[in-house]
Amino acid sequence: LDALRSVRDAISAFQGFPSPAHRAWVDTSARSPAAVASFLKDMAAALQPMAEAEAEHLRAWLPAAVSSLAPRAEQQHKQQQQQ
């Protein structure tokens, strides 16, 4: 495996690329590792408000959901104890 990595790195360097990742992405919309990192950073920033709103919704919903499940869980536990 190390030999294959070495050959892969040598091919990339021979073709003028700093890494195999750069060579693999040259014909894709990603273009470079930096472009991918930039895209992911921008996407995370754009999604952050939605993620925070969803988390707030879940925090508000969770206490009611847990309290509605508690009686059923207690009933199931009692049934299991009787068996």
N, C-alpha and C. Protein backbone atom coordinates (compact mmCIF):
# COMPACT_ATOMS: atom_id res chain seq x y z
N LEU A 1 0.82 -1.19 0.00
CA LEU A 1 0.00 0.00 0.00
C LEU A 1 0.87 1.27 0.00
N ASP A 2 1.93 1.21 0.79
CA ASP A 2 2.85 2.36 0.81
C ASP A 2 3.50 2.58 -0.55
N ALA A 3 3.81 1.50 -1.25
CA ALA A 3 4.41 1.61 -2.58
C ALA A 3 3.43 2.26 -3.55
N LEU A 4 2.17 1.89 -3.45
CA LEU A 4 1.15 2.49 -4.33
C LEU A 4 0.99 3.98 -4.04
N ARG A 5 1.01 4.33 -2.77
CA ARG A 5 0.92 5.75 -2.41
C ARG A 5 2.11 6.53 -2.97
N SER A 6 3.26 5.93 -2.86
CA SER A 6 4.46 6.58 -3.36
C SER A 6 4.38 6.82 -4.87
N VAL A 7 3.92 5.82 -5.60
CA VAL A 7 3.77 5.96 -7.05
C VAL A 7 2.71 7.01 -7.38
N ARG A 8 1.61 6.97 -6.66
CA ARG A 8 0.54 7.96 -6.87
C ARG A 8 1.06 9.37 -6.64
N ASP A 9 1.82 9.57 -5.56
CA ASP A 9 2.40 10.88 -5.28
C ASP A 9 3.38 11.31 -6.36
N ALA A 10 4.18 10.35 -6.84
CA ALA A 10 5.16 10.66 -7.89
C ALA A 10 4.48 11.05 -9.19
N ILE A 11 3.41 10.36 -9.54
CA ILE A 11 2.66 10.69 -10.77
C ILE A 11 2.08 12.10 -10.66
N SER A 12 1.51 12.40 -9.51
CA SER A 12 0.94 13.74 -9.32
C SER A 12 2.01 14.81 -9.44
N ALA A 13 3.13 14.59 -8.80
CA ALA A 13 4.22 15.56 -8.86
C ALA A 13 4.75 15.70 -10.28
N PHE A 14 4.90 14.59 -10.99
CA PHE A 14 5.37 14.62 -12.38
C PHE A 14 4.44 15.44 -13.26
N GLN A 15 3.13 15.36 -12.99
CA GLN A 15 2.15 16.11 -13.78
C GLN A 15 2.00 17.55 -13.30
N GLY A 16 2.75 17.92 -12.27
CA GLY A 16 2.75 19.31 -11.81
C GLY A 16 1.73 19.63 -10.74
N PHE A 17 1.20 18.63 -10.10
CA PHE A 17 0.20 18.86 -9.06
C PHE A 17 0.84 18.70 -7.68
N PRO A 18 0.42 19.52 -6.71
CA PRO A 18 1.01 19.42 -5.37
C PRO A 18 0.60 18.16 -4.61
N SER A 19 -0.51 17.54 -5.00
CA SER A 19 -0.95 16.32 -4.31
C SER A 19 -1.86 15.52 -5.24
N PRO A 20 -2.09 14.25 -4.93
CA PRO A 20 -3.03 13.46 -5.72
C PRO A 20 -4.45 14.05 -5.69
N ALA A 21 -4.82 14.66 -4.58
CA ALA A 21 -6.15 15.29 -4.50
C ALA A 21 -6.29 16.41 -5.53
N HIS A 22 -5.25 17.22 -5.67
CA HIS A 22 -5.29 18.29 -6.67
C HIS A 22 -5.44 17.70 -8.09
N ARG A 23 -4.73 16.62 -8.35
CA ARG A 23 -4.80 15.99 -9.68
C ARG A 23 -6.19 15.41 -9.92
N ALA A 24 -6.77 14.78 -8.90
CA ALA A 24 -8.09 14.16 -9.05
C ALA A 24 -9.19 15.19 -9.28
N TRP A 25 -9.03 16.37 -8.70
CA TRP A 25 -10.09 17.37 -8.77
C TRP A 25 -9.98 18.32 -9.95
N VAL A 26 -8.94 18.20 -10.74
CA VAL A 26 -8.70 19.18 -11.80
C VAL A 26 -9.84 19.23 -12.82
N ASP A 27 -10.47 18.11 -13.12
CA ASP A 27 -11.54 18.09 -14.11
C ASP A 27 -12.94 18.08 -13.49
N THR A 28 -13.03 18.46 -12.23
CA THR A 28 -14.33 18.48 -11.56
C THR A 28 -14.67 19.91 -11.19
N SER A 29 -15.88 20.08 -10.72
CA SER A 29 -16.29 21.43 -10.30
C SER A 29 -15.54 21.85 -9.04
N ALA A 30 -14.95 20.89 -8.32
CA ALA A 30 -14.23 21.23 -7.09
C ALA A 30 -12.94 22.00 -7.39
N ARG A 31 -12.28 21.71 -8.46
CA ARG A 31 -11.06 22.37 -8.92
C ARG A 31 -9.85 22.20 -8.01
N SER A 32 -9.99 22.35 -6.71
CA SER A 32 -8.86 22.22 -5.80
C SER A 32 -9.35 21.96 -4.38
N PRO A 33 -8.47 21.45 -3.52
CA PRO A 33 -8.87 21.26 -2.13
C PRO A 33 -9.30 22.59 -1.47
N ALA A 34 -8.66 23.66 -1.83
CA ALA A 34 -9.02 24.97 -1.26
C ALA A 34 -10.42 25.38 -1.69
N ALA A 35 -10.79 25.09 -2.93
CA ALA A 35 -12.14 25.42 -3.40
C ALA A 35 -13.18 24.60 -2.65
N VAL A 36 -12.87 23.33 -2.37
CA VAL A 36 -13.79 22.49 -1.61
C VAL A 36 -13.93 23.02 -0.19
N ALA A 37 -12.81 23.36 0.43
CA ALA A 37 -12.85 23.89 1.80
C ALA A 37 -13.64 25.19 1.85
N SER A 38 -13.46 26.04 0.87
CA SER A 38 -14.20 27.30 0.82
C SER A 38 -15.70 27.05 0.65
N PHE A 39 -16.04 26.12 -0.24
CA PHE A 39 -17.45 25.77 -0.45
C PHE A 39 -18.07 25.25 0.84
N LEU A 40 -17.38 24.35 1.52
CA LEU A 40 -17.91 23.77 2.75
C LEU A 40 -18.06 24.83 3.85
N LYS A 41 -17.11 25.73 3.93
CA LYS A 41 -17.19 26.81 4.92
C LYS A 41 -18.39 27.71 4.63
N ASP A 42 -18.58 28.07 3.36
CA ASP A 42 -19.72 28.90 2.98
C ASP A 42 -21.04 28.19 3.23
N MET A 43 -21.08 26.89 2.93
CA MET A 43 -22.30 26.11 3.14
C MET A 43 -22.63 26.04 4.63
N ALA A 44 -21.62 25.81 5.46
CA ALA A 44 -21.85 25.74 6.90
C ALA A 44 -22.39 27.07 7.43
N ALA A 45 -21.83 28.16 6.95
CA ALA A 45 -22.30 29.47 7.39
C ALA A 45 -23.74 29.72 6.96
N ALA A 46 -24.09 29.29 5.75
CA ALA A 46 -25.45 29.49 5.25
C ALA A 46 -26.45 28.62 6.00
N LEU A 47 -26.03 27.43 6.41
CA LEU A 47 -26.94 26.50 7.08
C LEU A 47 -27.03 26.74 8.59
N GLN A 48 -26.11 27.48 9.17
CA GLN A 48 -26.08 27.69 10.61
C GLN A 48 -27.39 28.23 11.17
N PRO A 49 -28.01 29.27 10.57
CA PRO A 49 -29.28 29.76 11.11
C PRO A 49 -30.38 28.70 11.10
N MET A 50 -30.43 27.89 10.06
CA MET A 50 -31.44 26.83 10.01
C MET A 50 -31.17 25.77 11.06
N ALA A 51 -29.91 25.44 11.27
CA ALA A 51 -29.55 24.44 12.28
C ALA A 51 -29.91 24.94 13.68
N GLU A 52 -29.65 26.21 13.93
CA GLU A 52 -29.99 26.78 15.23
C GLU A 52 -31.50 26.81 15.45
N ALA A 53 -32.26 27.15 14.41
CA ALA A 53 -33.72 27.16 14.52
C ALA A 53 -34.25 25.76 14.78
N GLU A 54 -33.70 24.77 14.10
CA GLU A 54 -34.12 23.38 14.31
C GLU A 54 -33.78 22.91 15.72
N ALA A 55 -32.60 23.26 16.20
CA ALA A 55 -32.21 22.89 17.56
C ALA A 55 -33.13 23.53 18.58
N GLU A 56 -33.49 24.78 18.37
CA GLU A 56 -34.42 25.47 19.29
C GLU A 56 -35.79 24.80 19.28
N HIS A 57 -36.25 24.42 18.10
CA HIS A 57 -37.53 23.72 17.98
C HIS A 57 -37.47 22.40 18.75
N LEU A 58 -36.39 21.65 18.61
CA LEU A 58 -36.26 20.38 19.31
C LEU A 58 -36.17 20.57 20.82
N ARG A 59 -35.46 21.63 21.27
CA ARG A 59 -35.39 21.90 22.70
C ARG A 59 -36.77 22.23 23.27
N ALA A 60 -37.58 22.92 22.50
CA ALA A 60 -38.94 23.25 22.96
C ALA A 60 -39.84 22.02 22.94
N TRP A 61 -39.65 21.16 21.98
CA TRP A 61 -40.51 19.98 21.80
C TRP A 61 -40.16 18.86 22.75
N LEU A 62 -38.89 18.71 23.09
CA LEU A 62 -38.41 17.56 23.83
C LEU A 62 -39.09 17.35 25.19
N PRO A 63 -39.24 18.36 26.04
CA PRO A 63 -39.87 18.11 27.34
C PRO A 63 -41.28 17.53 27.22
N ALA A 64 -42.07 18.06 26.29
CA ALA A 64 -43.42 17.53 26.10
C ALA A 64 -43.39 16.10 25.57
N ALA A 65 -42.48 15.82 24.68
CA ALA A 65 -42.38 14.46 24.12
C ALA A 65 -41.96 13.47 25.19
N VAL A 66 -41.00 13.84 26.02
CA VAL A 66 -40.55 12.94 27.07
C VAL A 66 -41.65 12.70 28.09
N SER A 67 -42.36 13.76 28.48
CA SER A 67 -43.42 13.58 29.48
C SER A 67 -44.56 12.73 28.94
N SER A 68 -44.81 12.79 27.63
CA SER A 68 -45.88 11.96 27.07
C SER A 68 -45.44 10.50 26.95
N LEU A 69 -44.14 10.25 26.86
CA LEU A 69 -43.64 8.88 26.77
C LEU A 69 -43.48 8.23 28.13
N ALA A 70 -43.28 9.02 29.16
CA ALA A 70 -43.01 8.48 30.48
C ALA A 70 -44.10 7.51 30.97
N PRO A 71 -45.40 7.84 30.88
CA PRO A 71 -46.41 6.88 31.35
C PRO A 71 -46.37 5.56 30.59
N ARG A 72 -46.14 5.63 29.28
CA ARG A 72 -46.06 4.39 28.48
C ARG A 72 -44.84 3.57 28.87
N ALA A 73 -43.73 4.22 29.10
CA ALA A 73 -42.52 3.51 29.48
C ALA A 73 -42.70 2.85 30.84
N GLU A 74 -43.34 3.55 31.75
CA GLU A 74 -43.59 2.98 33.08
C GLU A 74 -44.51 1.77 32.97
N GLN A 75 -45.54 1.87 32.15
CA GLN A 75 -46.47 0.75 31.95
C GLN A 75 -45.74 -0.45 31.35
N GLN A 76 -44.91 -0.22 30.35
CA GLN A 76 -44.15 -1.32 29.75
C GLN A 76 -43.22 -1.97 30.76
N HIS A 77 -42.60 -1.15 31.60
CA HIS A 77 -41.70 -1.68 32.62
C HIS A 77 -42.46 -2.57 33.59
N LYS A 78 -43.63 -2.15 34.01
CA LYS A 78 -44.46 -2.94 34.93
C LYS A 78 -44.86 -4.26 34.27
N GLN A 79 -45.21 -4.21 33.00
CA GLN A 79 -45.59 -5.44 32.28
C GLN A 79 -44.41 -6.41 32.20
N GLN A 80 -43.23 -5.88 31.96
CA GLN A 80 -42.04 -6.73 31.88
C GLN A 80 -41.72 -7.36 33.23
N GLN A 81 -41.94 -6.61 34.30
CA GLN A 81 -41.67 -7.12 35.63
C GLN A 81 -42.63 -8.25 35.99
N GLN A 82 -43.85 -8.21 35.46
CA GLN A 82 -44.85 -9.22 35.76
C GLN A 82 -44.58 -10.52 34.99
N GLN A 83 -43.84 -10.45 33.92
CA GLN A 83 -43.60 -11.65 33.11
C GLN A 83 -42.52 -12.50 33.65
